[in-house]
């Protein structure tokens, strides 16, 4: 879970920092990097990251950690994480890298 969240939050920090630093827009490079990381986790390319995809990661966490991870981002309650949900979390919770919803 820590490695998975660290990978995502490293990229989200780039976006949050750009968004809150003098209202600078997110650069194309940062957006492309974040999108590439999300796409790498989205194994079936449906635009969502689900339990099955997280459990197939090389450093797959325990089932309970997967549930916690999904719940920390899943805003619509569908049990999946969309790119938009991750972006929204990064923008609304800058500096929050512990996975807790605030």
PDB file of N, CA and C in Angstrom:
ATOM      1  N   UNK A   1       0.829  -1.188   0.000  1.00  0.00           N
ATOM      2  CA  UNK A   1       0.000   0.000   0.000  1.00  0.00           C
ATOM      3  C   UNK A   1       0.869   1.245   0.000  1.00  0.00           C
ATOM      4  N   UNK A   2       1.898   1.248   0.795  1.00  0.00           N
ATOM      5  CA  UNK A   2       2.772   2.413   0.881  1.00  0.00           C
ATOM      6  C   UNK A   2       3.436   2.691  -0.465  1.00  0.00           C
ATOM      7  N   UNK A   3       3.948   1.661  -1.105  1.00  0.00           N
ATOM      8  CA  UNK A   3       4.605   1.859  -2.399  1.00  0.00           C
ATOM      9  C   UNK A   3       3.609   2.330  -3.446  1.00  0.00           C
ATOM     10  N   UNK A   4       2.420   1.772  -3.433  1.00  0.00           N
ATOM     11  CA  UNK A   4       1.398   2.154  -4.397  1.00  0.00           C
ATOM     12  C   UNK A   4       0.988   3.612  -4.199  1.00  0.00           C
ATOM     13  N   UNK A   5       0.714   3.979  -2.959  1.00  0.00           N
ATOM     14  CA  UNK A   5       0.322   5.363  -2.676  1.00  0.00           C
ATOM     15  C   UNK A   5       1.476   6.312  -2.932  1.00  0.00           C
ATOM     16  N   UNK A   6       2.688   5.906  -2.613  1.00  0.00           N
ATOM     17  CA  UNK A   6       3.839   6.779  -2.840  1.00  0.00           C
ATOM     18  C   UNK A   6       3.999   7.089  -4.315  1.00  0.00           C
ATOM     19  N   UNK A   7       3.818   6.099  -5.156  1.00  0.00           N
ATOM     20  CA  UNK A   7       3.912   6.318  -6.599  1.00  0.00           C
ATOM     21  C   UNK A   7       2.871   7.301  -7.068  1.00  0.00           C
ATOM     22  N   UNK A   8       1.625   7.106  -6.652  1.00  0.00           N
ATOM     23  CA  UNK A   8       0.568   8.010  -7.067  1.00  0.00           C
ATOM     24  C   UNK A   8       0.755   9.410  -6.494  1.00  0.00           C
ATOM     25  N   UNK A   9       1.065   9.499  -5.218  1.00  0.00           N
ATOM     26  CA  UNK A   9       1.159  10.808  -4.605  1.00  0.00           C
ATOM     27  C   UNK A   9       2.383  11.596  -5.044  1.00  0.00           C
ATOM     28  N   UNK A  10       3.427  10.922  -5.478  1.00  0.00           N
ATOM     29  CA  UNK A  10       4.563  11.632  -6.054  1.00  0.00           C
ATOM     30  C   UNK A  10       4.092  12.432  -7.259  1.00  0.00           C
ATOM     31  N   UNK A  11       3.308  11.797  -8.096  1.00  0.00           N
ATOM     32  CA  UNK A  11       2.801  12.470  -9.283  1.00  0.00           C
ATOM     33  C   UNK A  11       1.740  13.498  -8.941  1.00  0.00           C
ATOM     34  N   UNK A  12       0.883  13.206  -7.974  1.00  0.00           N
ATOM     35  CA  UNK A  12      -0.163  14.154  -7.611  1.00  0.00           C
ATOM     36  C   UNK A  12       0.424  15.397  -6.971  1.00  0.00           C
ATOM     37  N   UNK A  13       1.521  15.226  -6.259  1.00  0.00           N
ATOM     38  CA  UNK A  13       2.182  16.368  -5.639  1.00  0.00           C
ATOM     39  C   UNK A  13       2.652  17.361  -6.692  1.00  0.00           C
ATOM     40  N   UNK A  14       3.094  16.859  -7.818  1.00  0.00           N
ATOM     41  CA  UNK A  14       3.507  17.734  -8.917  1.00  0.00           C
ATOM     42  C   UNK A  14       2.335  18.601  -9.354  1.00  0.00           C
ATOM     43  N   UNK A  15       1.183  17.981  -9.521  1.00  0.00           N
ATOM     44  CA  UNK A  15       0.005  18.718  -9.961  1.00  0.00           C
ATOM     45  C   UNK A  15      -0.455  19.704  -8.897  1.00  0.00           C
ATOM     46  N   UNK A  16      -0.527  19.252  -7.660  1.00  0.00           N
ATOM     47  CA  UNK A  16      -0.977  20.132  -6.585  1.00  0.00           C
ATOM     48  C   UNK A  16      -0.040  21.309  -6.407  1.00  0.00           C
ATOM     49  N   UNK A  17       1.246  21.068  -6.466  1.00  0.00           N
ATOM     50  CA  UNK A  17       2.213  22.157  -6.312  1.00  0.00           C
ATOM     51  C   UNK A  17       2.054  23.172  -7.429  1.00  0.00           C
ATOM     52  N   UNK A  18       1.883  22.702  -8.631  1.00  0.00           N
ATOM     53  CA  UNK A  18       1.711  23.617  -9.759  1.00  0.00           C
ATOM     54  C   UNK A  18       0.410  24.399  -9.630  1.00  0.00           C
ATOM     55  N   UNK A  19      -0.620  23.748  -9.175  1.00  0.00           N
ATOM     56  CA  UNK A  19      -1.920  24.396  -9.078  1.00  0.00           C
ATOM     57  C   UNK A  19      -1.961  25.464  -7.995  1.00  0.00           C
ATOM     58  N   UNK A  20      -1.206  25.259  -6.927  1.00  0.00           N
ATOM     59  CA  UNK A  20      -1.262  26.191  -5.814  1.00  0.00           C
ATOM     60  C   UNK A  20      -0.105  27.185  -5.790  1.00  0.00           C
ATOM     61  N   UNK A  21       0.833  27.055  -6.669  1.00  0.00           N
ATOM     62  CA  UNK A  21       1.975  27.977  -6.731  1.00  0.00           C
ATOM     63  C   UNK A  21       1.645  29.100  -7.704  1.00  0.00           C
ATOM     64  N   UNK A  22       1.195  30.219  -7.155  1.00  0.00           N
ATOM     65  CA  UNK A  22       0.883  31.384  -7.976  1.00  0.00           C
ATOM     66  C   UNK A  22      -0.121  31.063  -9.076  1.00  0.00           C
ATOM     67  N   UNK A  23      -1.019  30.145  -8.802  1.00  0.00           N
ATOM     68  CA  UNK A  23      -2.038  29.739  -9.764  1.00  0.00           C
ATOM     69  C   UNK A  23      -1.466  29.292 -11.102  1.00  0.00           C
ATOM     70  N   UNK A  24      -0.259  28.767 -11.067  1.00  0.00           N
ATOM     71  CA  UNK A  24       0.364  28.284 -12.302  1.00  0.00           C
ATOM     72  C   UNK A  24      -0.388  27.061 -12.793  1.00  0.00           C
ATOM     73  N   UNK A  25      -0.647  26.980 -14.078  1.00  0.00           N
ATOM     74  CA  UNK A  25      -1.337  25.811 -14.600  1.00  0.00           C
ATOM     75  C   UNK A  25      -0.441  24.583 -14.551  1.00  0.00           C
ATOM     76  N   UNK A  26      -1.068  23.438 -14.530  1.00  0.00           N
ATOM     77  CA  UNK A  26      -0.325  22.189 -14.573  1.00  0.00           C
ATOM     78  C   UNK A  26       0.287  22.070 -15.955  1.00  0.00           C
ATOM     79  N   UNK A  27       1.573  21.790 -15.986  1.00  0.00           N
ATOM     80  CA  UNK A  27       2.254  21.684 -17.262  1.00  0.00           C
ATOM     81  C   UNK A  27       1.909  20.396 -17.983  1.00  0.00           C
ATOM     82  N   UNK A  28       2.124  20.430 -19.270  1.00  0.00           N
ATOM     83  CA  UNK A  28       1.825  19.264 -20.094  1.00  0.00           C
ATOM     84  C   UNK A  28       2.662  18.067 -19.672  1.00  0.00           C
ATOM     85  N   UNK A  29       3.905  18.305 -19.274  1.00  0.00           N
ATOM     86  CA  UNK A  29       4.771  17.203 -18.857  1.00  0.00           C
ATOM     87  C   UNK A  29       4.240  16.532 -17.593  1.00  0.00           C
ATOM     88  N   UNK A  30       3.809  17.340 -16.624  1.00  0.00           N
ATOM     89  CA  UNK A  30       3.280  16.782 -15.379  1.00  0.00           C
ATOM     90  C   UNK A  30       1.993  16.004 -15.630  1.00  0.00           C
ATOM     91  N   UNK A  31       1.126  16.584 -16.461  1.00  0.00           N
ATOM     92  CA  UNK A  31      -0.123  15.913 -16.777  1.00  0.00           C
ATOM     93  C   UNK A  31       0.136  14.596 -17.504  1.00  0.00           C
ATOM     94  N   UNK A  32       1.061  14.605 -18.428  1.00  0.00           N
ATOM     95  CA  UNK A  32       1.388  13.382 -19.180  1.00  0.00           C
ATOM     96  C   UNK A  32       1.972  12.323 -18.257  1.00  0.00           C
ATOM     97  N   UNK A  33       2.811  12.738 -17.316  1.00  0.00           N
ATOM     98  CA  UNK A  33       3.421  11.797 -16.375  1.00  0.00           C
ATOM     99  C   UNK A  33       2.366  11.172 -15.467  1.00  0.00           C
ATOM    100  N   UNK A  34       1.457  12.004 -14.968  1.00  0.00           N
ATOM    101  CA  UNK A  34       0.382  11.499 -14.113  1.00  0.00           C
ATOM    102  C   UNK A  34      -0.523  10.550 -14.886  1.00  0.00           C
ATOM    103  N   UNK A  35      -0.877  10.939 -16.081  1.00  0.00           N
ATOM    104  CA  UNK A  35      -1.752  10.106 -16.899  1.00  0.00           C
ATOM    105  C   UNK A  35      -1.094   8.758 -17.223  1.00  0.00           C
ATOM    106  N   UNK A  36       0.198   8.798 -17.515  1.00  0.00           N
ATOM    107  CA  UNK A  36       0.922   7.562 -17.825  1.00  0.00           C
ATOM    108  C   UNK A  36       0.927   6.621 -16.617  1.00  0.00           C
ATOM    109  N   UNK A  37       1.114   7.159 -15.428  1.00  0.00           N
ATOM    110  CA  UNK A  37       1.105   6.332 -14.215  1.00  0.00           C
ATOM    111  C   UNK A  37      -0.282   5.719 -13.994  1.00  0.00           C
ATOM    112  N   UNK A  38      -1.318   6.527 -14.160  1.00  0.00           N
ATOM    113  CA  UNK A  38      -2.673   6.011 -14.013  1.00  0.00           C
ATOM    114  C   UNK A  38      -2.934   4.915 -15.047  1.00  0.00           C
ATOM    115  N   UNK A  39      -2.583   5.190 -16.294  1.00  0.00           N
ATOM    116  CA  UNK A  39      -2.808   4.227 -17.368  1.00  0.00           C
ATOM    117  C   UNK A  39      -2.053   2.918 -17.143  1.00  0.00           C
ATOM    118  N   UNK A  40      -0.875   3.003 -16.531  1.00  0.00           N
ATOM    119  CA  UNK A  40      -0.109   1.791 -16.240  1.00  0.00           C
ATOM    120  C   UNK A  40      -0.822   0.919 -15.208  1.00  0.00           C
ATOM    121  N   UNK A  41      -1.556   1.533 -14.298  1.00  0.00           N
ATOM    122  CA  UNK A  41      -2.299   0.789 -13.287  1.00  0.00           C
ATOM    123  C   UNK A  41      -3.642   0.297 -13.822  1.00  0.00           C
ATOM    124  N   UNK A  42      -4.158   0.938 -14.854  1.00  0.00           N
ATOM    125  CA  UNK A  42      -5.441   0.585 -15.461  1.00  0.00           C
ATOM    126  C   UNK A  42      -5.209  -0.519 -16.486  1.00  0.00           C
ATOM    127  N   UNK A  43      -5.112  -1.733 -16.017  1.00  0.00           N
ATOM    128  CA  UNK A  43      -4.708  -2.864 -16.860  1.00  0.00           C
ATOM    129  C   UNK A  43      -5.682  -3.171 -17.993  1.00  0.00           C
ATOM    130  N   UNK A  44      -6.981  -3.025 -17.762  1.00  0.00           N
ATOM    131  CA  UNK A  44      -7.938  -3.343 -18.819  1.00  0.00           C
ATOM    132  C   UNK A  44      -8.321  -2.125 -19.663  1.00  0.00           C
ATOM    133  N   UNK A  45      -7.712  -0.999 -19.362  1.00  0.00           N
ATOM    134  CA  UNK A  45      -7.871   0.240 -20.145  1.00  0.00           C
ATOM    135  C   UNK A  45      -9.313   0.707 -20.246  1.00  0.00           C
ATOM    136  N   UNK A  46     -10.065   0.538 -19.140  1.00  0.00           N
ATOM    137  CA  UNK A  46     -11.445   1.016 -19.128  1.00  0.00           C
ATOM    138  C   UNK A  46     -11.579   2.388 -18.481  1.00  0.00           C
ATOM    139  N   UNK A  47     -10.456   2.994 -18.094  1.00  0.00           N
ATOM    140  CA  UNK A  47     -10.489   4.313 -17.479  1.00  0.00           C
ATOM    141  C   UNK A  47     -10.707   4.285 -15.981  1.00  0.00           C
ATOM    142  N   UNK A  48     -10.667   3.100 -15.399  1.00  0.00           N
ATOM    143  CA  UNK A  48     -10.891   2.929 -13.965  1.00  0.00           C
ATOM    144  C   UNK A  48      -9.866   1.956 -13.404  1.00  0.00           C
ATOM    145  N   UNK A  49      -9.493   2.164 -12.151  1.00  0.00           N
ATOM    146  CA  UNK A  49      -8.622   1.221 -11.453  1.00  0.00           C
ATOM    147  C   UNK A  49      -9.500   0.519 -10.427  1.00  0.00           C
ATOM    148  N   UNK A  50      -9.526  -0.805 -10.493  1.00  0.00           N
ATOM    149  CA  UNK A  50     -10.373  -1.560  -9.580  1.00  0.00           C
ATOM    150  C   UNK A  50      -9.545  -2.525  -8.730  1.00  0.00           C
ATOM    151  N   UNK A  51     -10.240  -3.230  -7.863  1.00  0.00           N
ATOM    152  CA  UNK A  51      -9.616  -4.172  -6.922  1.00  0.00           C
ATOM    153  C   UNK A  51      -8.751  -5.202  -7.650  1.00  0.00           C
ATOM    154  N   UNK A  52      -9.270  -5.758  -8.736  1.00  0.00           N
ATOM    155  CA  UNK A  52      -8.534  -6.781  -9.474  1.00  0.00           C
ATOM    156  C   UNK A  52      -7.209  -6.222 -10.003  1.00  0.00           C
ATOM    157  N   UNK A  53      -7.259  -5.036 -10.555  1.00  0.00           N
ATOM    158  CA  UNK A  53      -6.045  -4.440 -11.102  1.00  0.00           C
ATOM    159  C   UNK A  53      -5.019  -4.156 -10.007  1.00  0.00           C
ATOM    160  N   UNK A  54      -5.475  -3.666  -8.875  1.00  0.00           N
ATOM    161  CA  UNK A  54      -4.550  -3.398  -7.776  1.00  0.00           C
ATOM    162  C   UNK A  54      -3.950  -4.685  -7.231  1.00  0.00           C
ATOM    163  N   UNK A  55      -4.732  -5.745  -7.200  1.00  0.00           N
ATOM    164  CA  UNK A  55      -4.213  -7.014  -6.674  1.00  0.00           C
ATOM    165  C   UNK A  55      -3.230  -7.677  -7.636  1.00  0.00           C
ATOM    166  N   UNK A  56      -3.203  -7.261  -8.884  1.00  0.00           N
ATOM    167  CA  UNK A  56      -2.279  -7.817  -9.866  1.00  0.00           C
ATOM    168  C   UNK A  56      -0.965  -7.042  -9.972  1.00  0.00           C
ATOM    169  N   UNK A  57      -0.824  -5.972  -9.201  1.00  0.00           N
ATOM    170  CA  UNK A  57       0.419  -5.203  -9.228  1.00  0.00           C
ATOM    171  C   UNK A  57       1.574  -6.047  -8.714  1.00  0.00           C
ATOM    172  N   UNK A  58       2.777  -5.748  -9.172  1.00  0.00           N
ATOM    173  CA  UNK A  58       3.959  -6.488  -8.731  1.00  0.00           C
ATOM    174  C   UNK A  58       4.108  -6.476  -7.222  1.00  0.00           C
ATOM    175  N   UNK A  59       3.857  -5.329  -6.609  1.00  0.00           N
ATOM    176  CA  UNK A  59       3.986  -5.204  -5.156  1.00  0.00           C
ATOM    177  C   UNK A  59       2.593  -5.092  -4.526  1.00  0.00           C
ATOM    178  N   UNK A  60       1.693  -5.974  -4.940  1.00  0.00           N
ATOM    179  CA  UNK A  60       0.294  -5.922  -4.509  1.00  0.00           C
ATOM    180  C   UNK A  60       0.181  -5.946  -2.988  1.00  0.00           C
ATOM    181  N   UNK A  61      -0.613  -5.028  -2.456  1.00  0.00           N
ATOM    182  CA  UNK A  61      -0.828  -4.989  -1.006  1.00  0.00           C
ATOM    183  C   UNK A  61      -1.847  -6.030  -0.561  1.00  0.00           C
ATOM    184  N   UNK A  62      -2.041  -6.115   0.734  1.00  0.00           N
ATOM    185  CA  UNK A  62      -3.050  -7.007   1.315  1.00  0.00           C
ATOM    186  C   UNK A  62      -4.435  -6.541   0.875  1.00  0.00           C
ATOM    187  N   UNK A  63      -5.391  -7.473   0.891  1.00  0.00           N
ATOM    188  CA  UNK A  63      -6.763  -7.152   0.481  1.00  0.00           C
ATOM    189  C   UNK A  63      -7.340  -5.979   1.277  1.00  0.00           C
ATOM    190  N   UNK A  64      -7.118  -5.959   2.583  1.00  0.00           N
ATOM    191  CA  UNK A  64      -7.661  -4.874   3.409  1.00  0.00           C
ATOM    192  C   UNK A  64      -7.046  -3.530   3.031  1.00  0.00           C
ATOM    193  N   UNK A  65      -5.784  -3.535   2.632  1.00  0.00           N
ATOM    194  CA  UNK A  65      -5.135  -2.307   2.200  1.00  0.00           C
ATOM    195  C   UNK A  65      -5.678  -1.845   0.854  1.00  0.00           C
ATOM    196  N   UNK A  66      -6.009  -2.785  -0.013  1.00  0.00           N
ATOM    197  CA  UNK A  66      -6.618  -2.432  -1.294  1.00  0.00           C
ATOM    198  C   UNK A  66      -7.970  -1.762  -1.043  1.00  0.00           C
ATOM    199  N   UNK A  67      -8.765  -2.338  -0.146  1.00  0.00           N
ATOM    200  CA  UNK A  67     -10.062  -1.744   0.187  1.00  0.00           C
ATOM    201  C   UNK A  67      -9.887  -0.325   0.707  1.00  0.00           C
ATOM    202  N   UNK A  68      -8.939  -0.137   1.598  1.00  0.00           N
ATOM    203  CA  UNK A  68      -8.679   1.184   2.174  1.00  0.00           C
ATOM    204  C   UNK A  68      -8.234   2.165   1.090  1.00  0.00           C
ATOM    205  N   UNK A  69      -7.378   1.709   0.207  1.00  0.00           N
ATOM    206  CA  UNK A  69      -6.882   2.546  -0.873  1.00  0.00           C
ATOM    207  C   UNK A  69      -8.029   2.985  -1.778  1.00  0.00           C
ATOM    208  N   UNK A  70      -8.873   2.047  -2.162  1.00  0.00           N
ATOM    209  CA  UNK A  70     -10.003   2.383  -3.029  1.00  0.00           C
ATOM    210  C   UNK A  70     -10.939   3.363  -2.324  1.00  0.00           C
ATOM    211  N   UNK A  71     -11.264   3.090  -1.079  1.00  0.00           N
ATOM    212  CA  UNK A  71     -12.165   3.978  -0.347  1.00  0.00           C
ATOM    213  C   UNK A  71     -11.601   5.379  -0.187  1.00  0.00           C
ATOM    214  N   UNK A  72     -10.279   5.502  -0.134  1.00  0.00           N
ATOM    215  CA  UNK A  72      -9.681   6.823   0.068  1.00  0.00           C
ATOM    216  C   UNK A  72      -9.834   7.726  -1.151  1.00  0.00           C
ATOM    217  N   UNK A  73     -10.059   7.150  -2.332  1.00  0.00           N
ATOM    218  CA  UNK A  73     -10.222   7.944  -3.554  1.00  0.00           C
ATOM    219  C   UNK A  73     -11.629   7.872  -4.143  1.00  0.00           C
ATOM    220  N   UNK A  74     -12.321   6.771  -3.943  1.00  0.00           N
ATOM    221  CA  UNK A  74     -13.600   6.507  -4.610  1.00  0.00           C
ATOM    222  C   UNK A  74     -14.682   7.454  -4.101  1.00  0.00           C
ATOM    223  N   UNK A  75     -14.998   8.456  -4.879  1.00  0.00           N
ATOM    224  CA  UNK A  75     -15.978   9.469  -4.473  1.00  0.00           C
ATOM    225  C   UNK A  75     -17.410   9.093  -4.816  1.00  0.00           C
ATOM    226  N   UNK A  76     -17.601   8.282  -5.851  1.00  0.00           N
ATOM    227  CA  UNK A  76     -18.966   7.958  -6.265  1.00  0.00           C
ATOM    228  C   UNK A  76     -19.451   6.607  -5.740  1.00  0.00           C
ATOM    229  N   UNK A  77     -18.602   5.917  -4.985  1.00  0.00           N
ATOM    230  CA  UNK A  77     -19.011   4.674  -4.347  1.00  0.00           C
ATOM    231  C   UNK A  77     -19.146   3.475  -5.261  1.00  0.00           C
ATOM    232  N   UNK A  78     -18.525   3.529  -6.446  1.00  0.00           N
ATOM    233  CA  UNK A  78     -18.638   2.403  -7.372  1.00  0.00           C
ATOM    234  C   UNK A  78     -17.575   1.334  -7.147  1.00  0.00           C
ATOM    235  N   UNK A  79     -16.691   1.553  -6.168  1.00  0.00           N
ATOM    236  CA  UNK A  79     -15.653   0.568  -5.878  1.00  0.00           C
ATOM    237  C   UNK A  79     -14.482   0.629  -6.832  1.00  0.00           C
ATOM    238  N   UNK A  80     -14.423   1.679  -7.618  1.00  0.00           N
ATOM    239  CA  UNK A  80     -13.341   1.867  -8.591  1.00  0.00           C
ATOM    240  C   UNK A  80     -12.817   3.290  -8.476  1.00  0.00           C
ATOM    241  N   UNK A  81     -11.611   3.491  -8.994  1.00  0.00           N
ATOM    242  CA  UNK A  81     -10.984   4.810  -8.940  1.00  0.00           C
ATOM    243  C   UNK A  81     -10.830   5.322 -10.365  1.00  0.00           C
ATOM    244  N   UNK A  82     -11.407   6.485 -10.617  1.00  0.00           N
ATOM    245  CA  UNK A  82     -11.248   7.108 -11.928  1.00  0.00           C
ATOM    246  C   UNK A  82     -10.102   8.109 -11.871  1.00  0.00           C
ATOM    247  N   UNK A  83      -9.603   8.448 -13.028  1.00  0.00           N
ATOM    248  CA  UNK A  83      -8.556   9.470 -13.132  1.00  0.00           C
ATOM    249  C   UNK A  83      -9.054  10.785 -12.528  1.00  0.00           C
ATOM    250  N   UNK A  84     -10.284  11.125 -12.796  1.00  0.00           N
ATOM    251  CA  UNK A  84     -10.858  12.366 -12.281  1.00  0.00           C
ATOM    252  C   UNK A  84     -10.932  12.366 -10.754  1.00  0.00           C
ATOM    253  N   UNK A  85     -11.242  11.216 -10.160  1.00  0.00           N
ATOM    254  CA  UNK A  85     -11.298  11.139  -8.700  1.00  0.00           C
ATOM    255  C   UNK A  85      -9.913  11.373  -8.094  1.00  0.00           C
ATOM    256  N   UNK A  86      -8.897  10.862  -8.745  1.00  0.00           N
ATOM    257  CA  UNK A  86      -7.545  11.053  -8.240  1.00  0.00           C
ATOM    258  C   UNK A  86      -7.130  12.515  -8.363  1.00  0.00           C
ATOM    259  N   UNK A  87      -7.420  13.115  -9.503  1.00  0.00           N
ATOM    260  CA  UNK A  87      -7.103  14.531  -9.701  1.00  0.00           C
ATOM    261  C   UNK A  87      -7.844  15.380  -8.681  1.00  0.00           C
ATOM    262  N   UNK A  88      -9.114  15.106  -8.483  1.00  0.00           N
ATOM    263  CA  UNK A  88      -9.911  15.858  -7.519  1.00  0.00           C
ATOM    264  C   UNK A  88      -9.329  15.731  -6.120  1.00  0.00           C
ATOM    265  N   UNK A  89      -8.928  14.531  -5.736  1.00  0.00           N
ATOM    266  CA  UNK A  89      -8.321  14.324  -4.422  1.00  0.00           C
ATOM    267  C   UNK A  89      -7.020  15.109  -4.286  1.00  0.00           C
ATOM    268  N   UNK A  90      -6.203  15.064  -5.315  1.00  0.00           N
ATOM    269  CA  UNK A  90      -4.920  15.773  -5.277  1.00  0.00           C
ATOM    270  C   UNK A  90      -5.123  17.278  -5.161  1.00  0.00           C
ATOM    271  N   UNK A  91      -6.120  17.803  -5.852  1.00  0.00           N
ATOM    272  CA  UNK A  91      -6.367  19.236  -5.846  1.00  0.00           C
ATOM    273  C   UNK A  91      -7.044  19.692  -4.556  1.00  0.00           C
ATOM    274  N   UNK A  92      -7.885  18.852  -3.977  1.00  0.00           N
ATOM    275  CA  UNK A  92      -8.622  19.233  -2.774  1.00  0.00           C
ATOM    276  C   UNK A  92      -7.911  18.885  -1.478  1.00  0.00           C
ATOM    277  N   UNK A  93      -6.895  18.033  -1.553  1.00  0.00           N
ATOM    278  CA  UNK A  93      -6.149  17.628  -0.371  1.00  0.00           C
ATOM    279  C   UNK A  93      -4.656  17.725  -0.605  1.00  0.00           C
ATOM    280  N   UNK A  94      -4.176  18.922  -0.999  1.00  0.00           N
ATOM    281  CA  UNK A  94      -2.728  19.027  -1.265  1.00  0.00           C
ATOM    282  C   UNK A  94      -1.927  18.719  -0.009  1.00  0.00           C
ATOM    283  N   UNK A  95      -0.855  17.988  -0.189  1.00  0.00           N
ATOM    284  CA  UNK A  95       0.012  17.650   0.949  1.00  0.00           C
ATOM    285  C   UNK A  95      -0.487  16.472   1.743  1.00  0.00           C
ATOM    286  N   UNK A  96      -1.677  15.966   1.443  1.00  0.00           N
ATOM    287  CA  UNK A  96      -2.217  14.814   2.167  1.00  0.00           C
ATOM    288  C   UNK A  96      -1.790  13.554   1.437  1.00  0.00           C
ATOM    289  N   UNK A  97      -0.768  12.888   1.948  1.00  0.00           N
ATOM    290  CA  UNK A  97      -0.297  11.699   1.265  1.00  0.00           C
ATOM    291  C   UNK A  97      -0.445  10.444   2.110  1.00  0.00           C
ATOM    292  N   UNK A  98      -1.332  10.525   3.101  1.00  0.00           N
ATOM    293  CA  UNK A  98      -1.503   9.355   3.954  1.00  0.00           C
ATOM    294  C   UNK A  98      -2.731   8.535   3.592  1.00  0.00           C
ATOM    295  N   UNK A  99      -3.464   8.974   2.547  1.00  0.00           N
ATOM    296  CA  UNK A  99      -4.612   8.194   2.091  1.00  0.00           C
ATOM    297  C   UNK A  99      -5.879   8.459   2.857  1.00  0.00           C
ATOM    298  N   UNK A 100      -5.835   9.300   3.849  1.00  0.00           N
ATOM    299  CA  UNK A 100      -7.027   9.596   4.628  1.00  0.00           C
ATOM    300  C   UNK A 100      -7.847  10.660   3.921  1.00  0.00           C
ATOM    301  N   UNK A 101      -9.138  10.434   3.857  1.00  0.00           N
ATOM    302  CA  UNK A 101     -10.044  11.428   3.286  1.00  0.00           C
ATOM    303  C   UNK A 101     -10.279  12.477   4.338  1.00  0.00           C
ATOM    304  N   UNK A 102     -10.153  13.732   3.941  1.00  0.00           N
ATOM    305  CA  UNK A 102     -10.338  14.814   4.915  1.00  0.00           C
ATOM    306  C   UNK A 102     -11.699  15.440   4.806  1.00  0.00           C
TER     307      UNK A 102
END
